[in-house]
Amino acid sequence: MRSRVAATLGLFAFGIVAGFGLAEAGLRAYASFDFPASRQILGYDPLAILIEPVGELGYRQKPSSIFRYPNGTSATSNIAGYRGPLVPIPKPAGRFRVVLLGRSTTHGYGVNDDETIDYYLRELLAQRFPGRQIDVVNLGFDGYDSYQDFERLRADGLPLEPDVVIVNSGINDVGNARLAELRDRDPRTLIYEPDLKRLRAEHAHGGPTIATLVKHYSFLARLGGVIRDRTITTRARALRRVPNPQAADYFERNLHRIAELLAPTGAALIFSTTPSALAVNFRPNASLPVYYCLADATDT
């Protein structure tokens, strides 16, 4: 009787393992023929993520990493976690330093390292002011809203001793108007919120969890995240019909925080809004397939 039970349990366990193995092999084979699906599944590898927490709720590109974009371009970060040449800290005497803050357009989403705003600024300023030592440091990153600008300035910007800070912000704060009862320093405004929560917890516990390692080695284990995020995105788009006016107040408070943080340094501060082509390229009732948009182009 015991041997029969053991054999049954063994056969059952073998069936589970074999079924999981076949499902894993099938998913990997499917992903090898479907590039968009493969890229999405690979994006859920928890150990391949190229961001790291900074400050209270902030994040930045992982130092000495390469962010690859779908169009074939890439963003290379230096050992301090930003694009472009590394600048010395403390700032040498006689050096003039410009720090850029902002979202993906500032960071340079979809362009190579020699096509970014900071790259062109360094060239233009060198031509206009020959003989002067001028640094342009790009602390912008993909997905930043105004609070992320504040966090990055506090953590990485102030030690650079900037003479000018340019904040190119606003568009990603529109996405915060999707949220009900928006609170101050709201983690829901982070597009990387689940990853950052996990990274902070793993840092506190000294390393990756078993669940993280399983998802790293198994495509099948990542499917839950893909399905969950698609469901959340669909539900969010269905609910955000009336923009939350608290988002504008939140944006204003964060700009004040940046100004107050920078005031004691004596650095000049420039606020620059991101240009929008919504009125030109989209009908008023157009539904826009990007995460920061609301119900349609008019609401956005």
Protein backbone atom coordinates (compact mmCIF):
# COMPACT_ATOMS: atom_id res chain seq x y z
CA MET A 1 0.00 0.00 0.00
CA ARG A 2 2.80 2.39 0.94
CA SER A 3 4.71 1.67 -2.25
CA ARG A 4 1.56 2.24 -4.31
CA VAL A 5 0.92 5.62 -2.63
CA ALA A 6 4.57 6.59 -3.09
CA ALA A 7 4.44 5.60 -6.75
CA THR A 8 1.22 7.61 -7.26
CA LEU A 9 2.70 10.67 -5.58
CA GLY A 10 5.90 10.28 -7.56
CA LEU A 11 3.96 10.01 -10.81
CA PHE A 12 1.89 13.06 -9.85
CA ALA A 13 5.04 15.09 -9.06
CA PHE A 14 6.64 13.95 -12.31
CA GLY A 15 3.54 15.04 -14.20
CA ILE A 16 3.64 18.51 -12.64
CA VAL A 17 7.35 18.93 -13.39
CA ALA A 18 6.95 17.60 -16.93
CA GLY A 19 3.92 19.79 -17.56
CA PHE A 20 5.73 22.86 -16.27
CA GLY A 21 8.75 22.01 -18.40
CA LEU A 22 6.65 21.57 -21.55
CA ALA A 23 4.78 24.81 -20.87
CA GLU A 24 8.08 26.64 -20.30
CA ALA A 25 9.56 25.23 -23.50
CA GLY A 26 6.43 26.09 -25.46
CA LEU A 27 6.39 29.67 -24.17
CA ARG A 28 10.08 30.13 -24.99
CA ALA A 29 9.51 28.72 -28.49
CA TYR A 30 6.57 31.06 -29.05
CA ALA A 31 8.56 34.07 -27.80
CA SER A 32 11.39 33.23 -30.21
CA PHE A 33 8.98 33.76 -33.14
CA ASP A 34 7.05 36.71 -31.69
CA PHE A 35 9.50 39.57 -31.06
CA PRO A 36 7.04 41.92 -29.26
CA ALA A 37 5.99 39.10 -26.92
CA SER A 38 9.61 38.12 -26.33
CA ARG A 39 10.59 41.69 -25.50
CA GLN A 40 7.68 42.05 -23.09
CA ILE A 41 8.45 38.79 -21.28
CA LEU A 42 12.16 39.60 -21.12
CA GLY A 43 11.22 42.95 -19.63
CA TYR A 44 9.76 41.15 -16.61
CA ASP A 45 13.07 39.57 -15.63
CA PRO A 46 13.50 41.07 -12.13
CA LEU A 47 17.30 40.76 -12.21
CA ALA A 48 17.61 42.49 -15.59
CA ILE A 49 16.07 45.76 -14.47
CA LEU A 50 18.42 48.69 -15.05
CA ILE A 51 17.15 51.14 -12.45
CA GLU A 52 17.96 51.58 -8.79
CA PRO A 53 16.26 53.40 -5.88
CA VAL A 54 17.54 56.82 -4.85
CA GLY A 55 16.23 59.13 -2.13
CA GLU A 56 12.86 58.66 -0.47
CA LEU A 57 10.84 57.57 -3.51
CA GLY A 58 13.23 58.30 -6.35
CA TYR A 59 15.08 56.20 -8.89
CA ARG A 60 17.75 56.55 -11.54
CA GLN A 61 19.47 54.49 -14.20
CA LYS A 62 21.75 51.89 -12.69
CA PRO A 63 25.39 53.10 -12.85
CA SER A 64 27.57 51.71 -15.65
CA SER A 65 24.60 50.21 -17.50
CA ILE A 66 23.18 50.42 -21.02
CA PHE A 67 19.48 51.17 -21.56
CA ARG A 68 18.48 49.79 -24.99
CA TYR A 69 15.50 51.31 -26.79
CA PRO A 70 13.16 49.58 -29.27
CA ASN A 71 14.49 51.63 -32.23
CA GLY A 72 18.03 50.29 -31.75
CA THR A 73 19.49 53.29 -29.88
CA SER A 74 20.94 53.05 -26.38
CA ALA A 75 21.58 55.18 -23.31
CA THR A 76 24.85 54.58 -21.47
CA SER A 77 25.15 55.63 -17.84
CA ASN A 78 28.47 56.40 -16.20
CA ILE A 79 29.55 55.26 -12.72
CA ALA A 80 27.44 58.03 -11.16
CA GLY A 81 24.23 56.91 -12.93
CA TYR A 82 23.77 59.62 -15.58
CA ARG A 83 24.50 59.99 -19.31
CA GLY A 84 27.47 61.94 -20.55
CA PRO A 85 30.98 62.49 -19.20
CA LEU A 86 31.61 62.17 -15.48
CA VAL A 87 32.29 65.53 -13.81
CA PRO A 88 34.43 65.96 -10.69
CA ILE A 89 33.01 66.50 -7.19
CA PRO A 90 33.73 68.92 -5.58
CA LYS A 91 33.50 71.31 -8.50
CA PRO A 92 36.91 72.73 -9.48
CA ALA A 93 37.45 76.47 -9.16
CA GLY A 94 36.50 78.43 -12.27
CA ARG A 95 34.20 75.71 -13.61
CA PHE A 96 30.64 76.68 -14.63
CA ARG A 97 28.10 73.87 -14.26
CA VAL A 98 24.62 73.38 -15.77
CA VAL A 99 22.37 70.58 -14.45
CA LEU A 100 19.38 69.33 -16.45
CA LEU A 101 16.35 67.72 -14.81
CA GLY A 102 13.35 66.27 -16.60
CA ARG A 103 11.64 63.31 -18.17
CA SER A 104 12.48 61.05 -21.11
CA THR A 105 12.86 63.92 -23.57
CA THR A 106 15.59 65.38 -21.36
CA HIS A 107 17.25 62.03 -20.73
CA GLY A 108 17.11 61.25 -24.45
CA TYR A 109 14.62 58.44 -24.97
CA GLY A 110 15.21 56.80 -28.33
CA VAL A 111 18.44 58.59 -29.19
CA ASN A 112 22.11 57.68 -28.76
CA ASP A 113 24.50 59.36 -26.36
CA ASP A 114 25.76 61.80 -29.01
CA GLU A 115 22.22 63.01 -29.82
CA THR A 116 20.99 64.15 -26.41
CA ILE A 117 20.18 67.69 -25.24
CA ASP A 118 23.20 67.76 -22.93
CA TYR A 119 25.53 66.64 -25.74
CA TYR A 120 24.38 69.47 -28.03
CA LEU A 121 24.46 71.99 -25.17
CA ARG A 122 28.08 71.13 -24.42
CA GLU A 123 28.98 71.70 -28.07
CA LEU A 124 27.04 74.96 -28.40
CA LEU A 125 28.33 76.45 -25.15
CA ALA A 126 31.92 75.55 -26.05
CA GLN A 127 31.49 77.41 -29.34
CA ARG A 128 29.82 80.42 -27.76
CA PHE A 129 32.18 80.71 -24.79
CA PRO A 130 35.59 79.48 -25.99
CA GLY A 131 38.18 79.15 -23.27
CA ARG A 132 35.62 78.65 -20.49
CA GLN A 133 35.14 75.35 -18.68
CA ILE A 134 31.43 74.54 -18.82
CA ASP A 135 29.87 71.25 -17.68
CA VAL A 136 26.39 70.11 -18.67
CA VAL A 137 25.13 67.24 -16.52
CA ASN A 138 21.97 65.38 -17.53
CA LEU A 139 20.07 64.09 -14.47
CA GLY A 140 16.81 63.57 -16.36
CA PHE A 141 15.40 60.07 -16.75
CA ASP A 142 12.53 58.19 -18.36
CA GLY A 143 9.25 58.50 -16.46
CA TYR A 144 10.24 61.38 -14.17
CA ASP A 145 7.53 63.72 -12.94
CA SER A 146 8.12 66.86 -10.89
CA TYR A 147 8.57 64.93 -7.63
CA GLN A 148 11.22 62.74 -9.24
CA ASP A 149 12.99 65.91 -10.38
CA PHE A 150 13.02 67.05 -6.75
CA GLU A 151 14.33 63.71 -5.47
CA ARG A 152 17.10 63.60 -8.09
CA LEU A 153 18.16 67.18 -7.38
CA ARG A 154 18.29 66.48 -3.65
CA ALA A 155 20.24 63.23 -4.00
CA ASP A 156 22.54 63.84 -6.98
CA GLY A 157 22.14 67.44 -8.12
CA LEU A 158 23.17 69.44 -5.06
CA PRO A 159 26.54 67.64 -4.64
CA LEU A 160 27.39 68.77 -8.18
CA GLU A 161 27.29 72.44 -7.03
CA PRO A 162 25.35 73.68 -10.07
CA ASP A 163 25.38 77.29 -11.24
CA VAL A 164 22.22 76.78 -13.32
CA VAL A 165 19.47 74.16 -12.99
CA ILE A 166 17.02 73.70 -15.88
CA VAL A 167 13.86 71.75 -15.03
CA ASN A 168 12.09 70.49 -18.17
CA SER A 169 8.93 69.07 -16.65
CA GLY A 170 5.14 68.88 -16.81
CA ILE A 171 3.95 66.25 -19.27
CA ASN A 172 4.39 63.25 -16.95
CA ASP A 173 2.55 65.13 -14.20
CA VAL A 174 -0.52 64.98 -16.45
CA GLY A 175 -0.57 61.24 -15.80
CA ASN A 176 -1.04 61.90 -12.07
CA ALA A 177 -4.49 63.31 -12.86
CA ARG A 178 -5.62 59.70 -13.41
CA LEU A 179 -5.25 59.00 -9.68
CA ALA A 180 -8.07 59.44 -7.15
CA GLU A 181 -7.24 61.10 -3.82
CA LEU A 182 -3.72 61.95 -4.88
CA ARG A 183 -1.61 62.40 -1.75
CA ASP A 184 1.70 64.11 -1.25
CA ARG A 185 4.73 62.01 -2.21
CA ASP A 186 2.35 59.41 -3.64
CA PRO A 187 4.21 56.23 -4.74
CA ARG A 188 1.47 55.57 -7.32
CA THR A 189 2.96 58.35 -9.46
CA LEU A 190 5.99 56.15 -10.13
CA ILE A 191 5.85 54.12 -13.34
CA TYR A 192 8.40 51.75 -11.76
CA GLU A 193 6.56 51.50 -8.41
CA PRO A 194 6.40 47.65 -8.12
CA ASP A 195 10.06 47.26 -9.12
CA LEU A 196 11.23 49.95 -6.71
CA LYS A 197 9.22 48.45 -3.86
CA ARG A 198 10.85 45.08 -4.50
CA LEU A 199 14.34 46.54 -4.88
CA ARG A 200 14.11 48.44 -1.60
CA ALA A 201 12.81 45.35 0.22
CA GLU A 202 15.56 43.14 -1.21
CA HIS A 203 18.20 45.70 -0.31
CA ALA A 204 16.90 45.69 3.28
CA HIS A 205 17.01 41.86 3.41
CA GLY A 206 20.43 41.55 1.79
CA GLY A 207 19.61 40.04 -1.60
CA PRO A 208 17.01 38.68 -4.03
CA THR A 209 14.18 36.47 -2.77
CA ILE A 210 13.35 32.96 -4.00
CA ALA A 211 10.41 34.41 -5.97
CA THR A 212 12.76 36.83 -7.72
CA LEU A 213 15.15 34.03 -8.66
CA VAL A 214 12.30 31.85 -9.99
CA LYS A 215 11.07 34.71 -12.21
CA HIS A 216 14.62 35.30 -13.39
CA TYR A 217 15.00 31.73 -14.67
CA SER A 218 11.41 31.04 -15.83
CA PHE A 219 9.40 32.72 -18.58
CA LEU A 220 6.27 31.01 -17.28
CA ALA A 221 6.66 32.61 -13.84
CA ARG A 222 6.63 36.07 -15.47
CA LEU A 223 3.27 35.61 -17.19
CA GLY A 224 1.36 36.67 -14.07
CA GLY A 225 3.03 40.08 -14.12
CA VAL A 226 2.33 40.56 -17.83
CA ILE A 227 -1.37 39.71 -17.40
CA ARG A 228 -1.70 41.76 -14.21
CA ASP A 229 -0.21 44.91 -15.71
CA ARG A 230 -2.32 44.62 -18.86
CA THR A 231 -5.44 44.27 -16.70
CA ILE A 232 -4.50 47.25 -14.50
CA THR A 233 -3.76 49.40 -17.56
CA THR A 234 -7.09 48.52 -19.18
CA ARG A 235 -8.99 49.18 -15.95
CA ALA A 236 -7.19 52.50 -15.40
CA ARG A 237 -7.99 53.73 -18.91
CA ALA A 238 -11.62 52.80 -18.38
CA LEU A 239 -11.88 54.78 -15.10
CA ARG A 240 -9.96 57.99 -15.70
CA ARG A 241 -12.70 60.04 -17.34
CA VAL A 242 -12.47 63.21 -15.21
CA PRO A 243 -8.98 64.58 -14.53
CA ASN A 244 -8.17 65.02 -10.84
CA PRO A 245 -7.36 68.72 -10.19
CA GLN A 246 -5.15 67.68 -7.26
CA ALA A 247 -2.48 66.82 -9.83
CA ALA A 248 -1.98 70.50 -10.67
CA ASP A 249 -1.54 71.35 -6.98
CA TYR A 250 0.90 68.47 -6.60
CA PHE A 251 2.90 69.76 -9.57
CA GLU A 252 3.00 73.26 -8.07
CA ARG A 253 4.15 72.02 -4.65
CA ASN A 254 7.00 70.08 -6.22
CA LEU A 255 8.20 73.11 -8.20
CA HIS A 256 8.21 75.09 -4.95
CA ARG A 257 10.21 72.30 -3.30
CA ILE A 258 12.81 72.47 -6.05
CA ALA A 259 13.06 76.26 -5.76
CA GLU A 260 13.35 76.15 -1.97
CA LEU A 261 15.97 73.42 -2.10
CA LEU A 262 18.07 75.37 -4.57
CA ALA A 263 17.64 78.86 -3.11
CA PRO A 264 20.42 78.64 -0.45
CA THR A 265 22.96 77.67 -3.13
CA GLY A 266 22.50 80.84 -5.17
CA ALA A 267 22.13 78.86 -8.39
CA ALA A 268 19.86 80.16 -11.14
CA LEU A 269 16.70 78.13 -11.76
CA ILE A 270 14.87 77.83 -15.08
CA PHE A 271 11.51 76.07 -15.43
CA SER A 272 10.80 74.85 -18.96
CA THR A 273 7.65 72.99 -19.99
CA THR A 274 7.84 70.15 -22.47
CA PRO A 275 6.39 71.13 -25.87
CA SER A 276 3.18 69.36 -26.88
CA ALA A 277 1.91 68.50 -30.36
CA LEU A 278 -1.51 67.31 -29.19
CA ALA A 279 -3.41 70.17 -30.86
CA VAL A 280 -1.62 69.53 -34.15
CA ASN A 281 -1.45 65.77 -34.44
CA PHE A 282 -4.59 64.54 -32.66
CA ARG A 283 -8.32 65.15 -32.95
CA PRO A 284 -9.99 66.37 -29.70
CA ASN A 285 -11.68 63.00 -29.17
CA ALA A 286 -8.58 60.96 -30.05
CA SER A 287 -7.70 58.26 -27.53
CA LEU A 288 -3.94 58.30 -27.05
CA PRO A 289 -2.03 55.03 -26.44
CA VAL A 290 0.51 56.37 -23.94
CA TYR A 291 0.46 55.90 -20.18
CA TYR A 292 0.30 59.56 -19.14
CA CYS A 293 -2.75 60.39 -21.25
CA LEU A 294 -6.28 60.64 -19.88
CA ALA A 295 -9.50 59.72 -21.67
CA ASP A 296 -8.73 61.66 -24.83
CA ALA A 297 -6.62 64.46 -26.29
CA THR A 298 -8.89 67.22 -24.93
CA ASP A 299 -8.65 66.04 -21.31
CA THR A 300 -4.92 65.51 -21.65
